[in-house]
C-alpha atoms as a PDB file:
ATOM      1  CA  MET A   1      66.273-127.065  69.738  1.00  0.00           C
ATOM      2  CA  LYS A   2      65.692-124.080  71.918  1.00  0.00           C
ATOM      3  CA  PRO A   3      65.066-124.417  75.751  1.00  0.00           C
ATOM      4  CA  GLU A   4      61.799-122.693  75.296  1.00  0.00           C
ATOM      5  CA  ASP A   5      60.714-125.566  73.054  1.00  0.00           C
ATOM      6  CA  VAL A   6      61.051-128.130  75.920  1.00  0.00           C
ATOM      7  CA  GLN A   7      58.860-128.573  78.975  1.00  0.00           C
ATOM      8  CA  VAL A   8      60.113-130.591  81.984  1.00  0.00           C
ATOM      9  CA  GLU A   9      57.606-131.635  84.724  1.00  0.00           C
ATOM     10  CA  VAL A  10      57.816-133.742  87.751  1.00  0.00           C
ATOM     11  CA  THR A  11      54.672-135.121  89.530  1.00  0.00           C
ATOM     12  CA  SER A  12      54.371-137.997  91.835  1.00  0.00           C
ATOM     13  CA  ASN A  13      57.936-139.241  91.221  1.00  0.00           C
ATOM     14  CA  LEU A  14      57.501-139.228  87.495  1.00  0.00           C
ATOM     15  CA  LEU A  15      59.742-137.079  85.254  1.00  0.00           C
ATOM     16  CA  THR A  16      58.146-136.008  82.025  1.00  0.00           C
ATOM     17  CA  VAL A  17      60.008-134.137  79.215  1.00  0.00           C
ATOM     18  CA  ARG A  18      58.143-132.962  76.241  1.00  0.00           C
ATOM     19  CA  GLY A  19      58.347-130.560  73.212  1.00  0.00           C
ATOM     20  CA  GLU A  20      58.273-130.063  69.627  1.00  0.00           C
ATOM     21  CA  THR A  21      60.993-129.768  67.060  1.00  0.00           C
ATOM     22  CA  GLU A  22      61.015-128.169  63.535  1.00  0.00           C
ATOM     23  CA  ASP A  23      63.938-127.930  61.108  1.00  0.00           C
ATOM     24  CA  GLU A  24      63.994-126.786  57.473  1.00  0.00           C
ATOM     25  CA  ARG A  25      66.823-127.039  55.060  1.00  0.00           C
ATOM     26  CA  GLU A  26      67.250-125.943  51.494  1.00  0.00           C
ATOM     27  CA  ASP A  27      70.145-126.696  48.970  1.00  0.00           C
ATOM     28  CA  LYS A  28      70.485-124.740  46.015  1.00  0.00           C
ATOM     29  CA  ARG A  29      72.983-125.593  43.172  1.00  0.00           C
ATOM     30  CA  ASP A  30      73.352-125.179  39.473  1.00  0.00           C
ATOM     31  CA  GLY A  31      70.117-126.999  38.225  1.00  0.00           C
ATOM     32  CA  TYR A  32      69.444-128.448  41.341  1.00  0.00           C
ATOM     33  CA  TYR A  33      67.178-127.336  44.273  1.00  0.00           C
ATOM     34  CA  ALA A  34      66.145-129.438  47.405  1.00  0.00           C
ATOM     35  CA  ARG A  35      64.104-128.524  50.341  1.00  0.00           C
ATOM     36  CA  GLU A  36      63.608-130.760  53.490  1.00  0.00           C
ATOM     37  CA  ARG A  37      61.338-130.089  56.363  1.00  0.00           C
ATOM     38  CA  ARG A  38      61.212-132.214  59.513  1.00  0.00           C
ATOM     39  CA  TYR A  39      58.866-131.657  62.457  1.00  0.00           C
ATOM     40  CA  GLY A  40      57.139-133.591  65.315  1.00  0.00           C
ATOM     41  CA  ALA A  41      56.261-133.463  68.780  1.00  0.00           C
ATOM     42  CA  PHE A  42      57.826-135.989  71.407  1.00  0.00           C
ATOM     43  CA  GLN A  43      57.233-136.917  74.894  1.00  0.00           C
ATOM     44  CA  ARG A  44      59.056-139.189  77.311  1.00  0.00           C
ATOM     45  CA  SER A  45      58.314-140.073  80.835  1.00  0.00           C
ATOM     46  CA  MET A  46      60.493-142.068  83.287  1.00  0.00           C
ATOM     47  CA  GLY A  47      59.884-142.905  87.053  1.00  0.00           C
ATOM     48  CA  LEU A  48      62.118-141.587  89.734  1.00  0.00           C
ATOM     49  CA  PRO A  49      63.254-143.113  92.944  1.00  0.00           C
ATOM     50  CA  SER A  50      60.710-143.439  95.548  1.00  0.00           C
ATOM     51  CA  ASP A  51      63.041-141.977  98.146  1.00  0.00           C
ATOM     52  CA  LEU A  52      63.578-138.723  95.983  1.00  0.00           C
ATOM     53  CA  ASP A  53      62.528-135.373  97.442  1.00  0.00           C
ATOM     54  CA  THR A  54      61.098-133.857  94.257  1.00  0.00           C
ATOM     55  CA  ASP A  55      61.064-130.291  95.691  1.00  0.00           C
ATOM     56  CA  LYS A  56      64.673-130.411  96.492  1.00  0.00           C
ATOM     57  CA  GLY A  57      66.095-132.897  93.899  1.00  0.00           C
ATOM     58  CA  GLU A  58      67.703-134.874  96.901  1.00  0.00           C
ATOM     59  CA  VAL A  59      67.709-138.510  97.941  1.00  0.00           C
ATOM     60  CA  LEU A  60      66.047-138.908 101.436  1.00  0.00           C
END
């Protein structure tokens, strides 16, 4: 993944990471050909400590 494919957001002591991934592979051999594609979006959110200063990233 490239950094520009990921978004990080902090709101109200909630950290959210989201993005999209895409991968394509080909395998060519004598009499054999395979192609695989994988893609999808993801999002994960997790709570941050209530005493965290989200502007500075410091615990108060």
